[in-house]
Amino acid sequence: MLPTTERALLQRVATEQATKRAPSLAAAVVRDGGMVWSGGRGRVGGEAPGVDTQYRIGSITKTFVAALVMRLRDEGKVELNAPYGKYVPGTAFGDVTVAQLLAHAAGLTAESPGQWWERTPGVEWPELSDRVTEGEIKYRPGRKFHYTNLGYGALGELVARLRGVSWMDAVRTELLEPLGMTRTTPMPQAPHAEGFAVHPWADVLLPEPAHDAIAMAPAGQLWSTLTDLSRWARFVGGDTGDVLHPDTVAEMREPAVVEDADQWTSGYGLGFQLMRNRNRRLAGHTGSMPGFVATVWTDPATGTAGIAMANSTSGVDVPGLCADLIDIVSTLEPRLPAEWRPLPAVDQELLALTGTWYWGPAPRSLRLMHDGWISLTPIASGGRGSRFRPTGKDTWIGLDGYYAGETLRIVRRADGSISHLDVCTFVFSREPYDVTAEIPGGVDPNGWRAL
């Protein structure tokens, strides 16, 4: 970072710590595959917090549980649209789907029945499950977004049953160790911040408890550091280190539900919170537990991420701080576009596909991209377009836009020449309503005419 950028970042962090009275606050920016800036204000053990100081990260824990569920899905062991009861029978909410639990769309109560789980020792899953009745189902499953910590306790149990180990052991062996995250743990390890509540009308502190939540631990148990969360921020942005396929993480970032339906500034995917901020769509998660608040936001479009953690129960706006850190860096040091370079090799048959194709009378341009990818986009304003990745001889799969998931196929004549393109029954021909192509419904034999 340029000195002016670093000063602006430190100014923002220092202002947040001072005005919101955080006992300590640690923050970092991730870019270009690593942490490029970090700053700490306040004191932990008499010193400013550093990149290795642990804080409790609360509900950021849920993103790790979600990643485990998606690994099980990719392995064919879990169906997202299957009922939860297929994998964990005997609950009062066995009919909700795994996907609904991931996206907080299952309609479950926000908190587990019993005492406030964040401030009392936890119980094992059988006892927690027995406490849950049909009264804990607050909305019709799939109807709306309703954040549920209980739902992620349930997903942790699903992981444990299918893996045959605790959810934490699965997190450690399947995620933390492969990604080199050595300081993310279920209980604090020195150096770590102590959790405090700050008196609303006086500059005094009250220590907060930190129990093992046991069955509810998948909803918010973990502690971590700036160093470890910088790696996790890269994971959220798609640098998955082979722990998950990047396409799976991109699926997790897709909006499944909208939290504020009237405005659509925030929503939820399959385990990731989503926020629209200054024309950016950020993905990650906020977190809070008694004595702590934390946030990781990543801008997948640029790979820039902001991380912030504080040891204060409330009042510190770490989500807004992270969004501001991303904005400061993006404004003061905008990323340079990648250099354009010609393709190293070209398939002449693919090159012959490029140019203008018509859907009825509407022109589309077909461009050749890297690795045999193609794009089919409107030439005039409006209309549908997508990028396509090759899947075999004369076939491509849509990656985005209207044709995402649909197959583009070359249709050939008996002599092998190209007749037209078929995309989900839509015919694209070289001429508007080309009479030599197989236009559904046929083409008027009198052709084009004047009135």
Protein backbone atom coordinates (compact mmCIF):
# COMPACT_ATOMS: atom_id res chain seq x y z
CA MET A 1 0.00 0.00 0.00
CA LEU A 2 1.06 3.58 -0.65
CA PRO A 3 1.84 5.60 2.51
CA THR A 4 -1.23 7.76 1.88
CA THR A 5 -3.42 4.66 1.65
CA GLU A 6 -1.95 3.19 4.83
CA ARG A 7 -2.56 6.47 6.64
CA ALA A 8 -6.20 6.56 5.49
CA LEU A 9 -6.72 2.95 6.62
CA LEU A 10 -5.16 3.59 10.03
CA GLN A 11 -7.19 6.77 10.43
CA ARG A 12 -10.42 4.86 9.83
CA VAL A 13 -9.48 2.11 12.31
CA ALA A 14 -8.27 4.57 14.94
CA THR A 15 -11.46 6.61 14.64
CA GLU A 16 -13.63 3.52 15.07
CA GLN A 17 -11.70 2.33 18.13
CA ALA A 18 -11.70 5.73 19.81
CA THR A 19 -15.25 6.89 19.09
CA LYS A 20 -16.87 3.48 19.74
CA ARG A 21 -14.70 2.86 22.84
CA ALA A 22 -13.37 -0.56 21.87
CA PRO A 23 -10.89 -2.02 24.39
CA SER A 24 -8.96 -3.19 21.33
CA LEU A 25 -9.52 -3.36 17.61
CA ALA A 26 -7.54 -5.24 14.97
CA ALA A 27 -8.08 -4.90 11.23
CA ALA A 28 -6.50 -5.96 7.96
CA VAL A 29 -6.83 -5.67 4.20
CA VAL A 30 -6.29 -8.58 1.83
CA ARG A 31 -5.36 -8.15 -1.81
CA ASP A 32 -3.38 -9.93 -4.52
CA GLY A 33 -3.36 -13.22 -2.64
CA GLY A 34 -2.27 -12.02 0.79
CA MET A 35 -2.54 -9.54 3.63
CA VAL A 36 -1.25 -6.18 2.40
CA TRP A 37 -2.02 -4.06 5.46
CA SER A 38 -2.90 -4.52 9.12
CA GLY A 39 -3.43 -2.21 12.06
CA GLY A 40 -4.27 -2.50 15.73
CA ARG A 41 -5.50 0.02 18.29
CA GLY A 42 -6.13 -0.32 22.01
CA ARG A 43 -4.38 -2.86 24.19
CA VAL A 44 -4.34 -6.63 24.68
CA GLY A 45 -2.10 -7.63 27.54
CA GLY A 46 -0.56 -4.16 27.55
CA GLU A 47 0.30 -4.18 23.83
CA ALA A 48 -1.42 -3.22 20.61
CA PRO A 49 -3.15 -6.25 19.03
CA GLY A 50 -1.25 -7.82 16.18
CA VAL A 51 -1.90 -10.18 13.31
CA ASP A 52 -1.50 -13.20 15.63
CA THR A 53 -3.84 -12.01 18.42
CA GLN A 54 -6.89 -14.23 18.77
CA TYR A 55 -10.43 -12.87 19.01
CA ARG A 56 -13.67 -14.79 19.17
CA ILE A 57 -15.24 -14.60 15.70
CA GLY A 58 -18.80 -15.68 16.54
CA SER A 59 -20.99 -16.44 13.56
CA ILE A 60 -18.12 -16.39 11.08
CA THR A 61 -17.93 -19.98 12.40
CA LYS A 62 -21.04 -20.71 10.31
CA THR A 63 -19.10 -20.22 7.08
CA PHE A 64 -16.79 -23.09 8.03
CA VAL A 65 -19.75 -25.37 8.79
CA ALA A 66 -21.35 -24.41 5.47
CA ALA A 67 -18.13 -25.26 3.62
CA LEU A 68 -18.17 -28.73 5.22
CA VAL A 69 -21.77 -29.29 4.13
CA MET A 70 -20.90 -28.27 0.58
CA ARG A 71 -17.95 -30.68 0.58
CA LEU A 72 -20.39 -33.43 1.52
CA ARG A 73 -22.69 -32.29 -1.30
CA ASP A 74 -19.86 -32.37 -3.82
CA GLU A 75 -18.96 -35.87 -2.66
CA GLY A 76 -22.53 -37.05 -3.24
CA LYS A 77 -23.20 -37.66 0.45
CA VAL A 78 -25.72 -34.84 0.91
CA GLU A 79 -28.52 -33.53 -1.30
CA LEU A 80 -29.22 -29.87 -0.61
CA ASN A 81 -32.91 -30.27 -1.44
CA ALA A 82 -33.28 -33.37 0.74
CA PRO A 83 -35.02 -33.05 4.12
CA TYR A 84 -32.79 -32.66 7.13
CA GLY A 85 -34.47 -35.68 8.72
CA LYS A 86 -32.95 -37.92 6.05
CA TYR A 87 -29.56 -37.39 7.69
CA VAL A 88 -30.50 -36.56 11.30
CA PRO A 89 -33.81 -38.25 12.12
CA GLY A 90 -35.94 -37.55 15.15
CA THR A 91 -36.11 -33.74 15.20
CA ALA A 92 -39.20 -31.55 15.17
CA PHE A 93 -37.95 -29.87 11.97
CA GLY A 94 -36.96 -32.90 9.91
CA ASP A 95 -38.96 -31.72 6.89
CA VAL A 96 -36.91 -28.57 6.24
CA THR A 97 -34.22 -28.97 3.61
CA VAL A 98 -30.48 -28.76 4.06
CA ALA A 99 -30.38 -25.79 1.66
CA GLN A 100 -33.02 -23.96 3.68
CA LEU A 101 -30.95 -24.40 6.83
CA LEU A 102 -27.82 -23.14 5.06
CA ALA A 103 -29.63 -20.01 3.83
CA HIS A 104 -31.62 -19.29 7.03
CA ALA A 105 -34.82 -19.94 5.10
CA ALA A 106 -36.03 -22.93 7.14
CA GLY A 107 -38.30 -20.83 9.37
CA LEU A 108 -36.65 -22.04 12.57
CA THR A 109 -36.46 -19.96 15.72
CA ALA A 110 -33.47 -17.68 15.95
CA GLU A 111 -32.10 -19.10 19.20
CA SER A 112 -32.07 -22.51 20.86
CA PRO A 113 -34.72 -23.20 23.51
CA GLY A 114 -33.58 -22.87 27.11
CA GLN A 115 -31.25 -20.27 28.59
CA TRP A 116 -29.37 -17.74 26.48
CA TRP A 117 -26.96 -20.14 24.80
CA GLU A 118 -24.18 -17.60 24.24
CA ARG A 119 -23.72 -17.01 28.00
CA THR A 120 -24.40 -20.45 29.50
CA PRO A 121 -22.63 -23.81 29.26
CA GLY A 122 -23.90 -25.84 26.31
CA VAL A 123 -25.58 -29.24 26.15
CA GLU A 124 -25.10 -32.25 23.89
CA TRP A 125 -27.20 -32.65 20.74
CA PRO A 126 -29.73 -35.24 22.08
CA GLU A 127 -30.71 -32.92 24.92
CA LEU A 128 -30.88 -29.88 22.64
CA SER A 129 -32.92 -31.77 20.04
CA ASP A 130 -35.39 -32.94 22.69
CA ARG A 131 -35.99 -29.31 23.71
CA VAL A 132 -37.01 -28.31 20.19
CA THR A 133 -40.74 -28.56 19.52
CA GLU A 134 -42.92 -27.57 16.59
CA GLY A 135 -43.28 -24.20 18.33
CA GLU A 136 -39.70 -23.45 17.30
CA ILE A 137 -40.81 -23.42 13.64
CA LYS A 138 -41.79 -19.77 13.26
CA TYR A 139 -42.46 -19.58 9.51
CA ARG A 140 -43.33 -21.86 6.64
CA PRO A 141 -40.03 -23.28 5.40
CA GLY A 142 -38.84 -21.36 2.35
CA ARG A 143 -41.15 -18.41 2.95
CA LYS A 144 -38.62 -15.82 4.08
CA PHE A 145 -35.23 -15.12 5.59
CA HIS A 146 -35.14 -15.66 9.34
CA TYR A 147 -31.69 -15.95 10.90
CA THR A 148 -31.35 -19.10 12.99
CA ASN A 149 -28.45 -20.05 15.20
CA LEU A 150 -30.31 -23.26 16.01
CA GLY A 151 -30.21 -24.20 12.32
CA TYR A 152 -26.42 -24.14 12.30
CA GLY A 153 -26.23 -26.20 15.45
CA ALA A 154 -28.30 -28.71 13.49
CA LEU A 155 -25.95 -28.53 10.49
CA GLY A 156 -22.99 -29.18 12.75
CA GLU A 157 -24.70 -32.36 13.91
CA LEU A 158 -25.33 -33.36 10.29
CA VAL A 159 -21.60 -33.01 9.56
CA ALA A 160 -20.67 -35.01 12.66
CA ARG A 161 -22.98 -37.88 11.76
CA LEU A 162 -21.88 -38.16 8.16
CA ARG A 163 -18.17 -37.78 8.92
CA GLY A 164 -18.12 -39.90 12.07
CA VAL A 165 -16.13 -37.24 13.94
CA SER A 166 -17.07 -34.01 15.70
CA TRP A 167 -17.86 -30.99 13.56
CA MET A 168 -14.73 -29.33 14.99
CA ASP A 169 -12.49 -32.25 14.06
CA ALA A 170 -13.93 -32.07 10.54
CA VAL A 171 -13.25 -28.31 10.37
CA ARG A 172 -9.69 -28.87 11.54
CA THR A 173 -8.76 -31.72 9.18
CA GLU A 174 -10.76 -30.70 6.10
CA LEU A 175 -10.39 -26.91 6.18
CA LEU A 176 -7.95 -25.43 8.67
CA GLU A 177 -4.99 -27.75 8.16
CA PRO A 178 -5.10 -27.75 4.34
CA LEU A 179 -5.36 -23.94 4.31
CA GLY A 180 -2.59 -23.47 6.88
CA MET A 181 -4.89 -21.81 9.43
CA THR A 182 -3.05 -22.83 12.58
CA ARG A 183 -4.51 -20.24 14.96
CA THR A 184 -8.23 -20.90 14.50
CA THR A 185 -9.42 -22.87 17.52
CA PRO A 186 -12.60 -23.67 19.49
CA MET A 187 -11.19 -22.20 22.72
CA PRO A 188 -8.75 -19.29 23.11
CA GLN A 189 -4.99 -19.75 22.94
CA ALA A 190 -2.55 -17.04 23.96
CA PRO A 191 -2.07 -14.38 22.86
CA HIS A 192 -5.79 -13.63 22.85
CA ALA A 193 -8.10 -10.77 23.74
CA GLU A 194 -10.42 -10.96 26.74
CA GLY A 195 -14.10 -10.30 26.07
CA PHE A 196 -15.60 -7.19 27.64
CA ALA A 197 -18.83 -5.27 27.82
CA VAL A 198 -18.30 -1.51 27.86
CA HIS A 199 -20.54 0.47 30.21
CA PRO A 200 -22.91 2.67 28.16
CA TRP A 201 -22.39 5.78 30.36
CA ALA A 202 -18.88 5.34 31.78
CA ASP A 203 -15.48 4.23 30.48
CA VAL A 204 -15.41 1.04 32.54
CA LEU A 205 -15.44 -2.63 31.54
CA LEU A 206 -17.24 -5.81 32.59
CA PRO A 207 -15.68 -9.18 31.71
CA GLU A 208 -17.92 -11.45 29.64
CA PRO A 209 -18.04 -15.26 30.02
CA ALA A 210 -16.80 -17.60 27.29
CA HIS A 211 -18.36 -21.06 27.59
CA ASP A 212 -18.18 -24.09 25.32
CA ALA A 213 -21.52 -24.06 23.50
CA ILE A 214 -21.19 -27.80 22.63
CA ALA A 215 -24.23 -28.58 20.39
CA MET A 216 -24.64 -24.90 19.54
CA ALA A 217 -20.91 -24.41 18.97
CA PRO A 218 -21.22 -24.62 15.14
CA ALA A 219 -23.18 -21.36 15.34
CA GLY A 220 -20.37 -19.31 16.88
CA GLN A 221 -17.61 -21.05 18.83
CA LEU A 222 -14.41 -20.32 16.93
CA TRP A 223 -11.54 -17.96 17.78
CA SER A 224 -9.16 -16.72 15.10
CA THR A 225 -6.57 -14.13 14.05
CA LEU A 226 -6.03 -11.62 11.27
CA THR A 227 -3.51 -13.95 9.68
CA ASP A 228 -5.89 -16.91 9.57
CA LEU A 229 -8.91 -14.87 8.53
CA SER A 230 -6.93 -13.31 5.70
CA ARG A 231 -6.61 -16.83 4.28
CA TRP A 232 -10.31 -17.46 4.83
CA ALA A 233 -11.17 -14.17 3.10
CA ARG A 234 -9.28 -15.42 0.05
CA PHE A 235 -11.25 -18.67 0.26
CA VAL A 236 -14.54 -16.74 0.24
CA GLY A 237 -13.33 -14.89 -2.85
CA GLY A 238 -12.57 -18.12 -4.71
CA ASP A 239 -8.95 -18.91 -3.81
CA THR A 240 -10.02 -22.25 -2.34
CA GLY A 241 -6.74 -24.14 -2.19
CA ASP A 242 -8.50 -27.28 -3.49
CA VAL A 243 -10.57 -27.48 -0.29
CA LEU A 244 -13.65 -26.79 -2.44
CA HIS A 245 -14.03 -26.19 -6.13
CA PRO A 246 -14.20 -22.46 -6.90
CA ASP A 247 -17.53 -23.04 -8.65
CA THR A 248 -18.95 -24.42 -5.39
CA VAL A 249 -17.80 -21.37 -3.45
CA ALA A 250 -19.31 -19.16 -6.17
CA GLU A 251 -22.57 -21.07 -5.67
CA MET A 252 -22.37 -20.34 -1.94
CA ARG A 253 -22.10 -16.63 -2.76
CA GLU A 254 -25.22 -16.60 -4.93
CA PRO A 255 -28.20 -14.91 -3.23
CA ALA A 256 -30.59 -17.55 -1.93
CA VAL A 257 -32.74 -15.19 0.15
CA VAL A 258 -32.96 -11.41 0.53
CA GLU A 259 -32.89 -10.07 4.07
CA ASP A 260 -34.39 -6.63 3.34
CA ALA A 261 -36.72 -7.40 0.46
CA ASP A 262 -37.76 -3.78 -0.18
CA GLN A 263 -34.21 -2.55 -0.78
CA TRP A 264 -32.02 -5.64 -1.39
CA THR A 265 -28.94 -4.32 0.32
CA SER A 266 -28.34 -7.52 2.27
CA GLY A 267 -29.06 -11.18 1.77
CA TYR A 268 -27.77 -14.68 2.34
CA GLY A 269 -26.35 -17.42 0.18
CA LEU A 270 -25.50 -20.97 1.18
CA GLY A 271 -23.53 -20.05 4.28
CA PHE A 272 -22.31 -16.57 3.32
CA GLN A 273 -23.85 -13.23 4.18
CA LEU A 274 -24.13 -10.85 1.23
CA MET A 275 -24.13 -7.07 1.21
CA ARG A 276 -24.47 -4.52 -1.57
CA ASN A 277 -22.27 -1.54 -0.75
CA ARG A 278 -21.17 1.29 -3.08
CA ASN A 279 -21.88 -0.72 -6.22
CA ARG A 280 -20.01 -3.71 -4.82
CA ARG A 281 -21.47 -7.06 -3.85
CA LEU A 282 -19.58 -8.21 -0.78
CA ALA A 283 -19.61 -11.74 0.61
CA GLY A 284 -18.47 -13.05 3.97
CA HIS A 285 -19.98 -12.97 7.44
CA THR A 286 -20.38 -10.90 10.54
CA GLY A 287 -19.92 -12.38 13.99
CA SER A 288 -20.71 -11.53 17.58
CA MET A 289 -20.52 -13.28 20.92
CA PRO A 290 -20.61 -11.72 24.39
CA GLY A 291 -17.44 -9.65 24.52
CA PHE A 292 -16.60 -9.79 20.81
CA VAL A 293 -17.59 -8.60 17.33
CA ALA A 294 -15.92 -9.55 14.05
CA THR A 295 -16.47 -9.33 10.29
CA VAL A 296 -14.91 -10.62 7.10
CA TRP A 297 -16.08 -8.99 3.85
CA THR A 298 -14.65 -9.96 0.47
CA ASP A 299 -15.24 -8.31 -2.89
CA PRO A 300 -15.01 -11.33 -5.22
CA ALA A 301 -14.84 -9.10 -8.29
CA THR A 302 -11.47 -7.67 -7.21
CA GLY A 303 -10.23 -10.09 -4.56
CA THR A 304 -10.02 -7.25 -2.03
CA ALA A 305 -11.15 -8.07 1.51
CA GLY A 306 -11.51 -6.26 4.82
CA ILE A 307 -11.25 -7.95 8.22
CA ALA A 308 -11.94 -6.44 11.63
CA MET A 309 -12.26 -7.80 15.17
CA ALA A 310 -12.89 -6.08 18.50
CA ASN A 311 -13.33 -7.28 22.08
CA SER A 312 -16.50 -5.38 22.87
CA THR A 313 -20.00 -6.84 23.16
CA SER A 314 -21.64 -4.11 21.09
CA GLY A 315 -21.28 -0.64 19.63
CA VAL A 316 -18.32 -1.20 17.32
CA ASP A 317 -19.43 -1.14 13.67
CA VAL A 318 -17.02 -3.72 12.30
CA PRO A 319 -19.20 -4.54 9.23
CA GLY A 320 -19.20 -0.88 8.21
CA LEU A 321 -15.50 -0.60 9.02
CA CYS A 322 -14.65 -3.55 6.76
CA ALA A 323 -16.70 -2.11 3.92
CA ASP A 324 -14.89 1.21 4.37
CA LEU A 325 -11.46 -0.45 4.31
CA ILE A 326 -12.33 -2.08 0.99
CA ASP A 327 -13.60 1.25 -0.34
CA ILE A 328 -10.49 3.16 0.76
CA VAL A 329 -8.17 0.73 -0.98
CA SER A 330 -10.32 0.47 -4.10
CA THR A 331 -10.60 4.25 -4.38
CA LEU A 332 -7.01 5.23 -3.60
CA GLU A 333 -5.38 2.29 -5.32
CA PRO A 334 -7.73 0.92 -8.02
CA ARG A 335 -6.64 -2.35 -9.49
CA LEU A 336 -5.00 -2.24 -12.91
CA PRO A 337 -6.76 -4.35 -15.53
CA ALA A 338 -4.90 -7.43 -16.62
CA GLU A 339 -2.79 -6.94 -19.71
CA TRP A 340 -4.46 -7.97 -22.93
CA ARG A 341 -2.60 -10.71 -24.69
CA PRO A 342 -3.48 -12.64 -27.85
CA LEU A 343 -4.41 -16.28 -27.52
CA PRO A 344 -1.37 -18.58 -27.61
CA ALA A 345 -3.15 -20.92 -30.04
CA VAL A 346 -6.44 -21.02 -31.92
CA ASP A 347 -8.74 -23.73 -33.22
CA GLN A 348 -9.65 -22.74 -36.77
CA GLU A 349 -13.09 -24.37 -36.49
CA LEU A 350 -13.82 -22.29 -33.41
CA LEU A 351 -12.54 -19.17 -35.15
CA ALA A 352 -15.00 -19.84 -37.97
CA LEU A 353 -17.85 -19.71 -35.41
CA THR A 354 -17.14 -16.12 -34.46
CA GLY A 355 -19.12 -13.20 -35.77
CA THR A 356 -22.81 -12.47 -36.07
CA TRP A 357 -25.61 -14.94 -35.33
CA TYR A 358 -29.30 -14.14 -35.29
CA TRP A 359 -32.06 -15.18 -32.93
CA GLY A 360 -34.94 -14.46 -35.25
CA PRO A 361 -34.18 -10.89 -36.40
CA ALA A 362 -32.07 -10.01 -33.32
CA PRO A 363 -28.27 -10.03 -33.89
CA ARG A 364 -25.83 -11.58 -31.44
CA SER A 365 -22.03 -11.53 -31.51
CA LEU A 366 -20.14 -14.72 -30.82
CA ARG A 367 -16.61 -14.13 -29.55
CA LEU A 368 -13.86 -16.65 -28.93
CA MET A 369 -12.32 -16.50 -25.45
CA HIS A 370 -9.58 -18.41 -23.64
CA ASP A 371 -9.53 -22.22 -23.33
CA GLY A 372 -12.26 -22.66 -25.92
CA TRP A 373 -14.79 -20.55 -24.03
CA ILE A 374 -17.18 -18.45 -26.09
CA SER A 375 -19.51 -15.55 -25.37
CA LEU A 376 -22.83 -14.91 -27.07
CA THR A 377 -24.00 -11.35 -26.43
CA PRO A 378 -26.48 -8.89 -27.96
CA ILE A 379 -25.10 -6.43 -30.48
CA ALA A 380 -27.86 -3.91 -29.82
CA SER A 381 -28.93 -2.85 -26.34
CA GLY A 382 -30.98 -5.31 -24.33
CA GLY A 383 -31.39 -9.00 -24.94
CA ARG A 384 -29.90 -12.09 -23.42
CA GLY A 385 -26.26 -13.05 -23.32
CA SER A 386 -23.99 -15.54 -21.58
CA ARG A 387 -20.51 -16.98 -21.49
CA PHE A 388 -20.13 -20.66 -22.29
CA ARG A 389 -17.49 -23.23 -21.31
CA PRO A 390 -16.80 -26.21 -23.60
CA THR A 391 -18.08 -29.58 -22.39
CA GLY A 392 -17.41 -31.77 -25.40
CA LYS A 393 -17.42 -31.91 -29.17
CA ASP A 394 -19.67 -29.09 -30.40
CA THR A 395 -21.21 -28.43 -26.94
CA TRP A 396 -20.78 -25.71 -24.31
CA ILE A 397 -22.44 -25.01 -20.95
CA GLY A 398 -23.75 -21.55 -20.00
CA LEU A 399 -21.95 -19.93 -17.08
CA ASP A 400 -23.98 -16.82 -16.36
CA GLY A 401 -26.91 -14.70 -17.48
CA TYR A 402 -30.14 -16.16 -18.87
CA TYR A 403 -28.45 -19.26 -20.27
CA ALA A 404 -26.59 -20.25 -17.10
CA GLY A 405 -26.62 -24.04 -16.88
CA GLU A 406 -28.07 -24.45 -20.38
CA THR A 407 -26.30 -26.22 -23.23
CA LEU A 408 -25.24 -24.51 -26.45
CA ARG A 409 -24.97 -27.07 -29.25
CA ILE A 410 -23.77 -26.87 -32.83
CA VAL A 411 -26.27 -28.51 -35.18
CA ARG A 412 -24.64 -29.83 -38.33
CA ARG A 413 -26.02 -30.82 -41.72
CA ALA A 414 -25.48 -34.26 -43.20
CA ASP A 415 -22.31 -33.06 -44.92
CA GLY A 416 -20.87 -31.80 -41.62
CA SER A 417 -21.36 -28.12 -42.29
CA ILE A 418 -22.93 -25.97 -39.59
CA SER A 419 -26.67 -25.39 -39.90
CA HIS A 420 -27.28 -23.38 -36.72
CA LEU A 421 -26.72 -23.11 -33.00
CA ASP A 422 -29.24 -24.49 -30.55
CA VAL A 423 -29.42 -23.04 -27.03
CA CYS A 424 -32.20 -24.57 -24.94
CA THR A 425 -34.41 -24.89 -28.10
CA PHE A 426 -33.60 -21.32 -29.24
CA VAL A 427 -32.16 -21.38 -32.76
CA PHE A 428 -29.38 -18.99 -33.78
CA SER A 429 -28.70 -18.79 -37.52
CA ARG A 430 -26.21 -16.92 -39.69
CA GLU A 431 -28.94 -14.87 -41.35
CA PRO A 432 -32.18 -13.51 -39.86
CA TYR A 433 -34.64 -16.45 -40.08
CA ASP A 434 -32.23 -18.34 -42.31
CA VAL A 435 -34.28 -20.63 -44.57
CA THR A 436 -31.48 -23.20 -44.57
CA ALA A 437 -31.63 -23.56 -40.78
CA GLU A 438 -34.21 -25.51 -38.81
CA ILE A 439 -36.29 -22.56 -37.67
CA PRO A 440 -39.14 -23.76 -35.40
CA GLY A 441 -42.47 -23.03 -37.05
CA GLY A 442 -40.80 -22.67 -40.44
CA VAL A 443 -40.09 -19.54 -42.45
CA ASP A 444 -42.64 -17.92 -44.75
CA PRO A 445 -41.68 -19.10 -48.27
CA ASN A 446 -42.29 -15.60 -49.68
CA GLY A 447 -39.50 -14.27 -47.50
CA TRP A 448 -39.04 -10.70 -46.39
CA ARG A 449 -41.34 -8.12 -48.02
CA ALA A 450 -42.28 -4.47 -48.06
CA LEU A 451 -45.71 -3.23 -47.02
